[in-house]
Amino acid sequence: VYHPERLPQASIVEEIISPCDGYVQKIVCDEI
């Protein structure tokens, strides 16, 4: 609880990059 960095960690961490400029209009929540 005081050291959450010790909770289970994934081995691969990657960013998902925006392909364009603009504003987020909608997120299809189920798909996430």
Full PDB file with SEQRES, HELIX, SHEET, SSBOND, CRYST1, ORIGX, SCALE, CONECT and MASTER records, all heavy atoms in Angstrom:
SEQRES   1 A   32  VAL TYR HIS PRO GLU ARG LEU PRO GLN ALA SER ILE VAL          
SEQRES   2 A   32  GLU GLU ILE ILE SER PRO CYS ASP GLY TYR VAL GLN LYS          
SEQRES   3 A   32  ILE VAL CYS ASP GLU ILE                                      
HELIX    1 AA1 PRO A    4  ARG A    6  5                                   3    
HELIX    2 AA2 CYS A   29  GLU A   31  5                                   3    
CRYST1    1.000    1.000    1.000  90.00  90.00  90.00 P 1           1          
ORIGX1      1.000000  0.000000  0.000000        0.00000                         
ORIGX2      0.000000  1.000000  0.000000        0.00000                         
ORIGX3      0.000000  0.000000  1.000000        0.00000                         
SCALE1      1.000000  0.000000  0.000000        0.00000                         
SCALE2      0.000000  1.000000  0.000000        0.00000                         
SCALE3      0.000000  0.000000  1.000000        0.00000                         
ATOM      1  N   VAL A   1       0.847  -1.202   0.000  1.00  0.00           N  
ATOM      2  CA  VAL A   1       0.000   0.000   0.000  1.00  0.00           C  
ATOM      3  C   VAL A   1       0.879   1.248   0.000  1.00  0.00           C  
ATOM      4  O   VAL A   1       0.554   2.255  -0.624  1.00  0.00           O  
ATOM      5  CB  VAL A   1      -0.951  -0.007   1.222  1.00  0.00           C  
ATOM      6  CG1 VAL A   1      -1.702   1.317   1.362  1.00  0.00           C  
ATOM      7  CG2 VAL A   1      -1.933  -1.181   1.107  1.00  0.00           C  
ATOM      8  N   TYR A   2       2.007   1.174   0.686  1.00  0.00           N  
ATOM      9  CA  TYR A   2       2.925   2.304   0.776  1.00  0.00           C  
ATOM     10  C   TYR A   2       4.021   2.251  -0.287  1.00  0.00           C  
ATOM     11  O   TYR A   2       4.713   3.243  -0.518  1.00  0.00           O  
ATOM     12  CB  TYR A   2       3.537   2.365   2.183  1.00  0.00           C  
ATOM     13  CG  TYR A   2       2.476   2.486   3.258  1.00  0.00           C  
ATOM     14  CD1 TYR A   2       2.103   1.379   4.023  1.00  0.00           C  
ATOM     15  CD2 TYR A   2       1.817   3.692   3.470  1.00  0.00           C  
ATOM     16  CE1 TYR A   2       1.114   1.486   4.991  1.00  0.00           C  
ATOM     17  CE2 TYR A   2       0.818   3.806   4.440  1.00  0.00           C  
ATOM     18  CZ  TYR A   2       0.475   2.703   5.194  1.00  0.00           C  
ATOM     19  OH  TYR A   2      -0.512   2.822   6.147  1.00  0.00           O  
ATOM     20  N   HIS A   3       4.151   1.092  -0.935  1.00  0.00           N  
ATOM     21  CA  HIS A   3       5.141   0.933  -2.010  1.00  0.00           C  
ATOM     22  C   HIS A   3       4.471   0.260  -3.217  1.00  0.00           C  
ATOM     23  O   HIS A   3       4.808  -0.886  -3.573  1.00  0.00           O  
ATOM     24  CB  HIS A   3       6.338   0.112  -1.527  1.00  0.00           C  
ATOM     25  CG  HIS A   3       7.107   0.755  -0.430  1.00  0.00           C  
ATOM     26  ND1 HIS A   3       8.007   1.781  -0.656  1.00  0.00           N  
ATOM     27  CD2 HIS A   3       7.077   0.555   0.912  1.00  0.00           C  
ATOM     28  CE1 HIS A   3       8.516   2.166   0.493  1.00  0.00           C  
ATOM     29  NE2 HIS A   3       7.970   1.456   1.464  1.00  0.00           N  
ATOM     30  N   PRO A   4       3.530   0.946  -3.860  1.00  0.00           N  
ATOM     31  CA  PRO A   4       2.786   0.318  -4.961  1.00  0.00           C  
ATOM     32  C   PRO A   4       3.653  -0.043  -6.162  1.00  0.00           C  
ATOM     33  O   PRO A   4       3.224  -0.837  -7.001  1.00  0.00           O  
ATOM     34  CB  PRO A   4       1.721   1.368  -5.325  1.00  0.00           C  
ATOM     35  CG  PRO A   4       2.223   2.663  -4.773  1.00  0.00           C  
ATOM     36  CD  PRO A   4       3.025   2.312  -3.567  1.00  0.00           C  
ATOM     37  N   GLU A   5       4.857   0.507  -6.217  1.00  0.00           N  
ATOM     38  CA  GLU A   5       5.770   0.143  -7.307  1.00  0.00           C  
ATOM     39  C   GLU A   5       6.156  -1.346  -7.233  1.00  0.00           C  
ATOM     40  O   GLU A   5       6.674  -1.907  -8.200  1.00  0.00           O  
ATOM     41  CB  GLU A   5       7.024   1.031  -7.297  1.00  0.00           C  
ATOM     42  CG  GLU A   5       7.987   0.814  -6.148  1.00  0.00           C  
ATOM     43  CD  GLU A   5       7.595   1.505  -4.830  1.00  0.00           C  
ATOM     44  OE1 GLU A   5       6.528   2.151  -4.774  1.00  0.00           O  
ATOM     45  OE2 GLU A   5       8.372   1.386  -3.847  1.00  0.00           O  
ATOM     46  N   ARG A   6       5.915  -1.997  -6.076  1.00  0.00           N  
ATOM     47  CA  ARG A   6       6.214  -3.420  -5.918  1.00  0.00           C  
ATOM     48  C   ARG A   6       5.054  -4.329  -6.352  1.00  0.00           C  
ATOM     49  O   ARG A   6       5.179  -5.559  -6.316  1.00  0.00           O  
ATOM     50  CB  ARG A   6       6.560  -3.726  -4.456  1.00  0.00           C  
ATOM     51  CG  ARG A   6       7.793  -3.009  -3.938  1.00  0.00           C  
ATOM     52  CD  ARG A   6       8.033  -3.394  -2.474  1.00  0.00           C  
ATOM     53  NE  ARG A   6       8.971  -2.538  -1.804  1.00  0.00           N  
ATOM     54  CZ  ARG A   6       9.148  -2.506  -0.476  1.00  0.00           C  
ATOM     55  NH1 ARG A   6       8.401  -3.294   0.297  1.00  0.00           N  
ATOM     56  NH2 ARG A   6      10.041  -1.696   0.060  1.00  0.00           N  
ATOM     57  N   LEU A   7       3.929  -3.742  -6.723  1.00  0.00           N  
ATOM     58  CA  LEU A   7       2.819  -4.541  -7.240  1.00  0.00           C  
ATOM     59  C   LEU A   7       3.220  -5.169  -8.576  1.00  0.00           C  
ATOM     60  O   LEU A   7       4.215  -4.741  -9.184  1.00  0.00           O  
ATOM     61  CB  LEU A   7       1.576  -3.649  -7.415  1.00  0.00           C  
ATOM     62  CG  LEU A   7       0.884  -3.198  -6.110  1.00  0.00           C  
ATOM     63  CD1 LEU A   7      -0.030  -2.004  -6.359  1.00  0.00           C  
ATOM     64  CD2 LEU A   7       0.108  -4.342  -5.479  1.00  0.00           C  
ATOM     65  N   PRO A   8       2.463  -6.176  -9.068  1.00  0.00           N  
ATOM     66  CA  PRO A   8       2.842  -6.836 -10.330  1.00  0.00           C  
ATOM     67  C   PRO A   8       3.139  -5.857 -11.461  1.00  0.00           C  
ATOM     68  O   PRO A   8       2.374  -4.913 -11.691  1.00  0.00           O  
ATOM     69  CB  PRO A   8       1.607  -7.689 -10.647  1.00  0.00           C  
ATOM     70  CG  PRO A   8       1.022  -8.016  -9.297  1.00  0.00           C  
ATOM     71  CD  PRO A   8       1.244  -6.784  -8.477  1.00  0.00           C  
ATOM     72  N   GLN A   9       4.272  -6.096 -12.154  1.00  0.00           N  
ATOM     73  CA  GLN A   9       4.741  -5.194 -13.211  1.00  0.00           C  
ATOM     74  C   GLN A   9       4.820  -5.934 -14.538  1.00  0.00           C  
ATOM     75  O   GLN A   9       5.312  -7.065 -14.594  1.00  0.00           O  
ATOM     76  CB  GLN A   9       6.153  -4.683 -12.871  1.00  0.00           C  
ATOM     77  CG  GLN A   9       6.257  -3.936 -11.553  1.00  0.00           C  
ATOM     78  CD  GLN A   9       6.037  -2.450 -11.696  1.00  0.00           C  
ATOM     79  OE1 GLN A   9       5.866  -1.943 -12.791  1.00  0.00           O  
ATOM     80  NE2 GLN A   9       6.035  -1.726 -10.601  1.00  0.00           N  
ATOM     81  N   ALA A  10       4.366  -5.300 -15.601  1.00  0.00           N  
ATOM     82  CA  ALA A  10       4.490  -5.878 -16.942  1.00  0.00           C  
ATOM     83  C   ALA A  10       5.918  -5.690 -17.468  1.00  0.00           C  
ATOM     84  O   ALA A  10       6.609  -4.740 -17.085  1.00  0.00           O  
ATOM     85  CB  ALA A  10       3.491  -5.222 -17.889  1.00  0.00           C  
ATOM     86  N   SER A  11       6.330  -6.585 -18.363  1.00  0.00           N  
ATOM     87  CA  SER A  11       7.709  -6.528 -18.876  1.00  0.00           C  
ATOM     88  C   SER A  11       7.865  -5.574 -20.062  1.00  0.00           C  
ATOM     89  O   SER A  11       8.967  -5.134 -20.371  1.00  0.00           O  
ATOM     90  CB  SER A  11       8.167  -7.936 -19.282  1.00  0.00           C  
ATOM     91  OG  SER A  11       7.285  -8.480 -20.274  1.00  0.00           O  
ATOM     92  N   ILE A  12       6.747  -5.271 -20.746  1.00  0.00           N  
ATOM     93  CA  ILE A  12       6.802  -4.385 -21.919  1.00  0.00           C  
ATOM     94  C   ILE A  12       5.930  -3.152 -21.653  1.00  0.00           C  
ATOM     95  O   ILE A  12       4.761  -3.281 -21.292  1.00  0.00           O  
ATOM     96  CB  ILE A  12       6.281  -5.097 -23.193  1.00  0.00           C  
ATOM     97  CG1 ILE A  12       6.965  -6.454 -23.393  1.00  0.00           C  
ATOM     98  CG2 ILE A  12       6.478  -4.210 -24.413  1.00  0.00           C  
ATOM     99  CD1 ILE A  12       6.236  -7.348 -24.404  1.00  0.00           C  
ATOM    100  N   VAL A  13       6.523  -1.983 -21.828  1.00  0.00           N  
ATOM    101  CA  VAL A  13       5.795  -0.722 -21.641  1.00  0.00           C  
ATOM    102  C   VAL A  13       6.010   0.135 -22.884  1.00  0.00           C  
ATOM    103  O   VAL A  13       7.159   0.466 -23.217  1.00  0.00           O  
ATOM    104  CB  VAL A  13       6.277   0.028 -20.377  1.00  0.00           C  
ATOM    105  CG1 VAL A  13       5.487   1.316 -20.192  1.00  0.00           C  
ATOM    106  CG2 VAL A  13       6.153  -0.861 -19.136  1.00  0.00           C  
ATOM    107  N   GLU A  14       4.933   0.493 -23.576  1.00  0.00           N  
ATOM    108  CA  GLU A  14       5.045   1.281 -24.810  1.00  0.00           C  
ATOM    109  C   GLU A  14       3.985   2.367 -24.861  1.00  0.00           C  
ATOM    110  O   GLU A  14       2.866   2.172 -24.396  1.00  0.00           O  
ATOM    111  CB  GLU A  14       4.893   0.389 -26.052  1.00  0.00           C  
ATOM    112  CG  GLU A  14       6.146  -0.338 -26.434  1.00  0.00           C  
ATOM    113  CD  GLU A  14       6.072  -0.943 -27.835  1.00  0.00           C  
ATOM    114  OE1 GLU A  14       5.191  -0.527 -28.639  1.00  0.00           O  
ATOM    115  OE2 GLU A  14       6.897  -1.830 -28.117  1.00  0.00           O  
ATOM    116  N   GLU A  15       4.326   3.481 -25.467  1.00  0.00           N  
ATOM    117  CA  GLU A  15       3.348   4.546 -25.687  1.00  0.00           C  
ATOM    118  C   GLU A  15       2.522   4.262 -26.944  1.00  0.00           C  
ATOM    119  O   GLU A  15       3.034   3.693 -27.918  1.00  0.00           O  
ATOM    120  CB  GLU A  15       4.056   5.900 -25.835  1.00  0.00           C  
ATOM    121  CG  GLU A  15       4.676   6.422 -24.546  1.00  0.00           C  
ATOM    122  CD  GLU A  15       5.364   7.759 -24.715  1.00  0.00           C  
ATOM    123  OE1 GLU A  15       5.739   8.100 -25.866  1.00  0.00           O  
ATOM    124  OE2 GLU A  15       5.543   8.483 -23.704  1.00  0.00           O  
ATOM    125  N   ILE A  16       1.262   4.663 -26.900  1.00  0.00           N  
ATOM    126  CA  ILE A  16       0.413   4.659 -28.110  1.00  0.00           C  
ATOM    127  C   ILE A  16       0.301   6.117 -28.550  1.00  0.00           C  
ATOM    128  O   ILE A  16      -0.222   6.959 -27.822  1.00  0.00           O  
ATOM    129  CB  ILE A  16      -0.988   4.065 -27.832  1.00  0.00           C  
ATOM    130  CG1 ILE A  16      -0.875   2.645 -27.272  1.00  0.00           C  
ATOM    131  CG2 ILE A  16      -1.819   4.075 -29.112  1.00  0.00           C  
ATOM    132  CD1 ILE A  16      -2.212   2.017 -26.901  1.00  0.00           C  
ATOM    133  N   ILE A  17       0.814   6.388 -29.729  1.00  0.00           N  
ATOM    134  CA  ILE A  17       1.010   7.758 -30.199  1.00  0.00           C  
ATOM    135  C   ILE A  17      -0.183   8.247 -31.023  1.00  0.00           C  
ATOM    136  O   ILE A  17      -0.740   7.495 -31.831  1.00  0.00           O  
ATOM    137  CB  ILE A  17       2.312   7.845 -31.031  1.00  0.00           C  
ATOM    138  CG1 ILE A  17       3.522   7.415 -30.184  1.00  0.00           C  
ATOM    139  CG2 ILE A  17       2.516   9.239 -31.594  1.00  0.00           C  
ATOM    140  CD1 ILE A  17       3.736   8.222 -28.934  1.00  0.00           C  
ATOM    141  N   SER A  18      -0.555   9.514 -30.829  1.00  0.00           N  
ATOM    142  CA  SER A  18      -1.629  10.099 -31.635  1.00  0.00           C  
ATOM    143  C   SER A  18      -1.174  10.278 -33.082  1.00  0.00           C  
ATOM    144  O   SER A  18      -0.090  10.832 -33.325  1.00  0.00           O  
ATOM    145  CB  SER A  18      -2.056  11.451 -31.066  1.00  0.00           C  
ATOM    146  OG  SER A  18      -3.024  12.050 -31.924  1.00  0.00           O  
ATOM    147  N   PRO A  19      -2.010   9.877 -34.052  1.00  0.00           N  
ATOM    148  CA  PRO A  19      -1.629  10.024 -35.459  1.00  0.00           C  
ATOM    149  C   PRO A  19      -1.917  11.422 -36.017  1.00  0.00           C  
ATOM    150  O   PRO A  19      -1.565  11.720 -37.154  1.00  0.00           O  
ATOM    151  CB  PRO A  19      -2.508   8.979 -36.154  1.00  0.00           C  
ATOM    152  CG  PRO A  19      -3.742   8.884 -35.279  1.00  0.00           C  
ATOM    153  CD  PRO A  19      -3.292   9.152 -33.873  1.00  0.00           C  
ATOM    154  N   CYS A  20      -2.571  12.306 -35.235  1.00  0.00           N  
ATOM    155  CA  CYS A  20      -2.963  13.613 -35.766  1.00  0.00           C  
ATOM    156  C   CYS A  20      -3.170  14.633 -34.648  1.00  0.00           C  
ATOM    157  O   CYS A  20      -3.207  14.278 -33.463  1.00  0.00           O  
ATOM    158  CB  CYS A  20      -4.259  13.489 -36.584  1.00  0.00           C  
ATOM    159  SG  CYS A  20      -5.637  12.809 -35.622  1.00  0.00           S  
ATOM    160  N   ASP A  21      -3.293  15.913 -35.046  1.00  0.00           N  
ATOM    161  CA  ASP A  21      -3.653  16.980 -34.108  1.00  0.00           C  
ATOM    162  C   ASP A  21      -5.177  17.023 -33.971  1.00  0.00           C  
ATOM    163  O   ASP A  21      -5.907  16.587 -34.858  1.00  0.00           O  
ATOM    164  CB  ASP A  21      -3.209  18.360 -34.636  1.00  0.00           C  
ATOM    165  CG  ASP A  21      -1.701  18.514 -34.712  1.00  0.00           C  
ATOM    166  OD1 ASP A  21      -0.976  17.621 -34.243  1.00  0.00           O  
ATOM    167  OD2 ASP A  21      -1.249  19.554 -35.240  1.00  0.00           O  
ATOM    168  N   GLY A  22      -5.623  17.614 -32.861  1.00  0.00           N  
ATOM    169  CA  GLY A  22      -7.063  17.847 -32.728  1.00  0.00           C  
ATOM    170  C   GLY A  22      -7.531  17.692 -31.292  1.00  0.00           C  
ATOM    171  O   GLY A  22      -6.766  17.875 -30.340  1.00  0.00           O  
ATOM    172  N   TYR A  23      -8.796  17.330 -31.166  1.00  0.00           N  
ATOM    173  CA  TYR A  23      -9.411  17.107 -29.857  1.00  0.00           C  
ATOM    174  C   TYR A  23     -10.026  15.703 -29.834  1.00  0.00           C  
ATOM    175  O   TYR A  23     -10.555  15.244 -30.849  1.00  0.00           O  
ATOM    176  CB  TYR A  23     -10.506  18.137 -29.572  1.00  0.00           C  
ATOM    177  CG  TYR A  23     -10.008  19.557 -29.466  1.00  0.00           C  
ATOM    178  CD1 TYR A  23      -9.895  20.352 -30.610  1.00  0.00           C  
ATOM    179  CD2 TYR A  23      -9.658  20.101 -28.238  1.00  0.00           C  
ATOM    180  CE1 TYR A  23      -9.426  21.652 -30.521  1.00  0.00           C  
ATOM    181  CE2 TYR A  23      -9.195  21.414 -28.134  1.00  0.00           C  
ATOM    182  CZ  TYR A  23      -9.080  22.164 -29.278  1.00  0.00           C  
ATOM    183  OH  TYR A  23      -8.619  23.474 -29.195  1.00  0.00           O  
ATOM    184  N   VAL A  24      -9.943  15.063 -28.680  1.00  0.00           N  
ATOM    185  CA  VAL A  24     -10.584  13.755 -28.551  1.00  0.00           C  
ATOM    186  C   VAL A  24     -12.096  13.979 -28.508  1.00  0.00           C  
ATOM    187  O   VAL A  24     -12.623  14.576 -27.570  1.00  0.00           O  
ATOM    188  CB  VAL A  24     -10.108  13.006 -27.287  1.00  0.00           C  
ATOM    189  CG1 VAL A  24     -10.818  11.652 -27.188  1.00  0.00           C  
ATOM    190  CG2 VAL A  24      -8.592  12.807 -27.312  1.00  0.00           C  
ATOM    191  N   GLN A  25     -12.776  13.516 -29.560  1.00  0.00           N  
ATOM    192  CA  GLN A  25     -14.226  13.687 -29.684  1.00  0.00           C  
ATOM    193  C   GLN A  25     -15.002  12.601 -28.968  1.00  0.00           C  
ATOM    194  O   GLN A  25     -16.028  12.835 -28.349  1.00  0.00           O  
ATOM    195  CB  GLN A  25     -14.648  13.646 -31.170  1.00  0.00           C  
ATOM    196  CG  GLN A  25     -14.028  14.703 -32.041  1.00  0.00           C  
ATOM    197  CD  GLN A  25     -14.621  16.074 -31.793  1.00  0.00           C  
ATOM    198  OE1 GLN A  25     -15.839  16.216 -31.784  1.00  0.00           O  
ATOM    199  NE2 GLN A  25     -13.779  17.069 -31.580  1.00  0.00           N  
ATOM    200  N   LYS A  26     -14.446  11.390 -29.081  1.00  0.00           N  
ATOM    201  CA  LYS A  26     -15.204  10.228 -28.619  1.00  0.00           C  
ATOM    202  C   LYS A  26     -14.242   9.086 -28.320  1.00  0.00           C  
ATOM    203  O   LYS A  26     -13.224   8.927 -28.990  1.00  0.00           O  
ATOM    204  CB  LYS A  26     -16.195   9.819 -29.723  1.00  0.00           C  
ATOM    205  CG  LYS A  26     -17.091   8.631 -29.389  1.00  0.00           C  
ATOM    206  CD  LYS A  26     -17.980   8.308 -30.598  1.00  0.00           C  
ATOM    207  CE  LYS A  26     -18.772   7.021 -30.369  1.00  0.00           C  
ATOM    208  NZ  LYS A  26     -19.542   6.654 -31.583  1.00  0.00           N  
ATOM    209  N   ILE A  27     -14.575   8.308 -27.305  1.00  0.00           N  
ATOM    210  CA  ILE A  27     -13.861   7.061 -27.018  1.00  0.00           C  
ATOM    211  C   ILE A  27     -14.906   5.958 -26.930  1.00  0.00           C  
ATOM    212  O   ILE A  27     -15.854   6.067 -26.149  1.00  0.00           O  
ATOM    213  CB  ILE A  27     -13.075   7.142 -25.693  1.00  0.00           C  
ATOM    214  CG1 ILE A  27     -12.040   8.267 -25.725  1.00  0.00           C  
ATOM    215  CG2 ILE A  27     -12.388   5.812 -25.399  1.00  0.00           C  
ATOM    216  CD1 ILE A  27     -11.357   8.519 -24.383  1.00  0.00           C  
ATOM    217  N   VAL A  28     -14.762   4.928 -27.738  1.00  0.00           N  
ATOM    218  CA  VAL A  28     -15.683   3.782 -27.627  1.00  0.00           C  
ATOM    219  C   VAL A  28     -15.209   2.959 -26.430  1.00  0.00           C  
ATOM    220  O   VAL A  28     -14.263   2.173 -26.504  1.00  0.00           O  
ATOM    221  CB  VAL A  28     -15.707   2.940 -28.923  1.00  0.00           C  
ATOM    222  CG1 VAL A  28     -16.746   1.816 -28.775  1.00  0.00           C  
ATOM    223  CG2 VAL A  28     -16.035   3.810 -30.136  1.00  0.00           C  
ATOM    224  N   CYS A  29     -15.866   3.189 -25.323  1.00  0.00           N  
ATOM    225  CA  CYS A  29     -15.390   2.703 -24.032  1.00  0.00           C  
ATOM    226  C   CYS A  29     -15.222   1.184 -23.997  1.00  0.00           C  
ATOM    227  O   CYS A  29     -14.215   0.667 -23.514  1.00  0.00           O  
ATOM    228  CB  CYS A  29     -16.364   3.177 -22.955  1.00  0.00           C  
ATOM    229  SG  CYS A  29     -15.737   2.985 -21.284  1.00  0.00           S  
ATOM    230  N   ASP A  30     -16.206   0.454 -24.498  1.00  0.00           N  
ATOM    231  CA  ASP A  30     -16.138  -1.016 -24.518  1.00  0.00           C  
ATOM    232  C   ASP A  30     -14.873  -1.520 -25.199  1.00  0.00           C  
ATOM    233  O   ASP A  30     -14.286  -2.522 -24.803  1.00  0.00           O  
ATOM    234  CB  ASP A  30     -17.360  -1.580 -25.252  1.00  0.00           C  
ATOM    235  CG  ASP A  30     -18.473  -1.959 -24.290  1.00  0.00           C  
ATOM    236  OD1 ASP A  30     -18.252  -1.859 -23.070  1.00  0.00           O  
ATOM    237  OD2 ASP A  30     -19.560  -2.363 -24.747  1.00  0.00           O  
ATOM    238  N   GLU A  31     -14.488  -0.799 -26.278  1.00  0.00           N  
ATOM    239  CA  GLU A  31     -13.318  -1.223 -27.044  1.00  0.00           C  
ATOM    240  C   GLU A  31     -12.021  -1.094 -26.230  1.00  0.00           C  
ATOM    241  O   GLU A  31     -11.109  -1.903 -26.379  1.00  0.00           O  
ATOM    242  CB  GLU A  31     -13.206  -0.394 -28.335  1.00  0.00           C  
ATOM    243  CG  GLU A  31     -14.241  -0.772 -29.386  1.00  0.00           C  
ATOM    244  CD  GLU A  31     -14.030  -2.198 -29.913  1.00  0.00           C  
ATOM    245  OE1 GLU A  31     -12.960  -2.466 -30.479  1.00  0.00           O  
ATOM    246  OE2 GLU A  31     -14.913  -3.044 -29.722  1.00  0.00           O  
ATOM    247  N   ILE A  32     -11.948  -0.080 -25.387  1.00  0.00           N  
ATOM    248  CA  ILE A  32     -10.775   0.058 -24.512  1.00  0.00           C  
ATOM    249  C   ILE A  32     -10.729  -1.117 -23.537  1.00  0.00           C  
ATOM    250  O   ILE A  32      -9.672  -1.668 -23.238  1.00  0.00           O  
ATOM    251  CB  ILE A  32     -10.814   1.400 -23.748  1.00  0.00           C  
ATOM    252  CG1 ILE A  32     -10.932   2.585 -24.731  1.00  0.00           C  
ATOM    253  CG2 ILE A  32      -9.587   1.547 -22.860  1.00  0.00           C  
ATOM    254  CD1 ILE A  32      -9.808   2.712 -25.716  1.00  0.00           C  
TER     255      ILE A  32                                                      
MASTER        0    0    0    2    0    0    0    6  254    1    0    3          
END                                                                             
